[in-house]
């Protein structure tokens, strides 16, 4: 195991949270997070923010607003 270091782990944290890294980079960051308290804390903050954002984005617009937007979009594309 070679530690990828804090700089690489932090630079790739966003992609790590979204599972957008290559297999090897994913492993590197996971191994670093397991042994680095500071980066592990950053990861937990990221997970919490992502979770809250995903829950907030589950709300839907009222039907009237949705229809008004669709009508305006039709007018722009026409």
C-alpha atoms as a PDB file:
ATOM      1  CA  UNK A   1       0.000   0.000   0.000  1.00  0.00           C
ATOM      2  CA  UNK A   2       1.304   3.416  -0.906  1.00  0.00           C
ATOM      3  CA  UNK A   3      -0.401   6.433   0.587  1.00  0.00           C
ATOM      4  CA  UNK A   4      -1.669   8.789  -2.108  1.00  0.00           C
ATOM      5  CA  UNK A   5      -1.305  11.710   0.294  1.00  0.00           C
ATOM      6  CA  UNK A   6      -3.641  14.425   1.515  1.00  0.00           C
ATOM      7  CA  UNK A   7      -3.255  16.611  -1.569  1.00  0.00           C
ATOM      8  CA  UNK A   8      -4.436  13.898  -3.957  1.00  0.00           C
ATOM      9  CA  UNK A   9      -7.161  12.650  -1.610  1.00  0.00           C
ATOM     10  CA  UNK A  10      -8.607  16.138  -1.152  1.00  0.00           C
ATOM     11  CA  UNK A  11      -8.317  16.987  -4.843  1.00  0.00           C
ATOM     12  CA  UNK A  12     -10.253  13.843  -5.743  1.00  0.00           C
ATOM     13  CA  UNK A  13     -12.741  13.885  -2.865  1.00  0.00           C
ATOM     14  CA  UNK A  14     -15.625  15.248  -4.953  1.00  0.00           C
ATOM     15  CA  UNK A  15     -15.138  12.572  -7.613  1.00  0.00           C
ATOM     16  CA  UNK A  16     -14.744   9.960  -4.877  1.00  0.00           C
ATOM     17  CA  UNK A  17     -18.078  10.961  -3.325  1.00  0.00           C
ATOM     18  CA  UNK A  18     -19.793  10.550  -6.706  1.00  0.00           C
ATOM     19  CA  UNK A  19     -17.917   7.316  -7.540  1.00  0.00           C
ATOM     20  CA  UNK A  20     -16.344   8.934 -10.609  1.00  0.00           C
ATOM     21  CA  UNK A  21     -12.761   7.742 -10.064  1.00  0.00           C
ATOM     22  CA  UNK A  22     -10.915   4.949 -11.763  1.00  0.00           C
ATOM     23  CA  UNK A  23     -10.717   1.728  -9.767  1.00  0.00           C
ATOM     24  CA  UNK A  24      -7.117   2.411  -8.734  1.00  0.00           C
ATOM     25  CA  UNK A  25      -7.743   6.022  -7.729  1.00  0.00           C
ATOM     26  CA  UNK A  26     -10.785   4.905  -5.743  1.00  0.00           C
ATOM     27  CA  UNK A  27      -8.655   2.375  -3.861  1.00  0.00           C
ATOM     28  CA  UNK A  28      -5.912   4.955  -3.279  1.00  0.00           C
ATOM     29  CA  UNK A  29      -8.324   7.472  -1.786  1.00  0.00           C
ATOM     30  CA  UNK A  30     -10.099   4.824   0.314  1.00  0.00           C
ATOM     31  CA  UNK A  31      -6.798   3.665   1.750  1.00  0.00           C
ATOM     32  CA  UNK A  32      -5.765   7.221   2.528  1.00  0.00           C
ATOM     33  CA  UNK A  33      -9.083   8.034   4.209  1.00  0.00           C
ATOM     34  CA  UNK A  34      -8.757   4.944   6.386  1.00  0.00           C
ATOM     35  CA  UNK A  35      -5.502   6.245   7.840  1.00  0.00           C
ATOM     36  CA  UNK A  36      -5.886  10.033   7.835  1.00  0.00           C
ATOM     37  CA  UNK A  37      -8.142  11.572  10.456  1.00  0.00           C
ATOM     38  CA  UNK A  38      -8.166  15.010   8.822  1.00  0.00           C
ATOM     39  CA  UNK A  39      -9.138  13.767   5.355  1.00  0.00           C
ATOM     40  CA  UNK A  40     -11.603  11.306   6.875  1.00  0.00           C
ATOM     41  CA  UNK A  41     -13.316  14.247   8.576  1.00  0.00           C
ATOM     42  CA  UNK A  42     -13.446  16.117   5.220  1.00  0.00           C
ATOM     43  CA  UNK A  43     -15.008  13.004   3.689  1.00  0.00           C
ATOM     44  CA  UNK A  44     -17.666  12.815   6.412  1.00  0.00           C
ATOM     45  CA  UNK A  45     -18.537  16.481   5.849  1.00  0.00           C
ATOM     46  CA  UNK A  46     -18.832  15.791   2.096  1.00  0.00           C
ATOM     47  CA  UNK A  47     -21.046  12.758   2.675  1.00  0.00           C
ATOM     48  CA  UNK A  48     -23.303  14.778   4.978  1.00  0.00           C
ATOM     49  CA  UNK A  49     -23.599  17.647   2.489  1.00  0.00           C
ATOM     50  CA  UNK A  50     -24.283  15.291  -0.408  1.00  0.00           C
ATOM     51  CA  UNK A  51     -26.947  13.474   1.604  1.00  0.00           C
ATOM     52  CA  UNK A  52     -28.682  16.718   2.578  1.00  0.00           C
ATOM     53  CA  UNK A  53     -28.525  17.999  -0.985  1.00  0.00           C
ATOM     54  CA  UNK A  54     -29.978  14.800  -2.392  1.00  0.00           C
ATOM     55  CA  UNK A  55     -32.828  14.885   0.130  1.00  0.00           C
ATOM     56  CA  UNK A  56     -33.529  18.544  -0.647  1.00  0.00           C
ATOM     57  CA  UNK A  57     -33.624  17.853  -4.374  1.00  0.00           C
ATOM     58  CA  UNK A  58     -36.375  15.263  -4.000  1.00  0.00           C
ATOM     59  CA  UNK A  59     -38.970  17.996  -3.681  1.00  0.00           C
ATOM     60  CA  UNK A  60     -41.000  18.672  -6.780  1.00  0.00           C
ATOM     61  CA  UNK A  61     -42.275  21.972  -8.075  1.00  0.00           C
ATOM     62  CA  UNK A  62     -45.996  22.619  -7.803  1.00  0.00           C
ATOM     63  CA  UNK A  63     -47.832  21.494 -10.925  1.00  0.00           C
ATOM     64  CA  UNK A  64     -48.863  25.055 -11.819  1.00  0.00           C
ATOM     65  CA  UNK A  65     -45.252  26.231 -11.758  1.00  0.00           C
ATOM     66  CA  UNK A  66     -44.156  23.225 -13.782  1.00  0.00           C
ATOM     67  CA  UNK A  67     -46.775  23.922 -16.447  1.00  0.00           C
ATOM     68  CA  UNK A  68     -45.893  27.636 -16.586  1.00  0.00           C
ATOM     69  CA  UNK A  69     -42.243  26.783 -17.143  1.00  0.00           C
ATOM     70  CA  UNK A  70     -43.074  24.269 -19.862  1.00  0.00           C
ATOM     71  CA  UNK A  71     -45.276  26.826 -21.654  1.00  0.00           C
ATOM     72  CA  UNK A  72     -42.468  29.402 -21.565  1.00  0.00           C
ATOM     73  CA  UNK A  73     -39.932  26.842 -22.790  1.00  0.00           C
ATOM     74  CA  UNK A  74     -42.209  25.963 -25.688  1.00  0.00           C
ATOM     75  CA  UNK A  75     -42.349  29.661 -26.567  1.00  0.00           C
ATOM     76  CA  UNK A  76     -38.549  29.924 -26.545  1.00  0.00           C
ATOM     77  CA  UNK A  77     -37.978  26.818 -28.675  1.00  0.00           C
ATOM     78  CA  UNK A  78     -40.663  27.728 -31.207  1.00  0.00           C
END
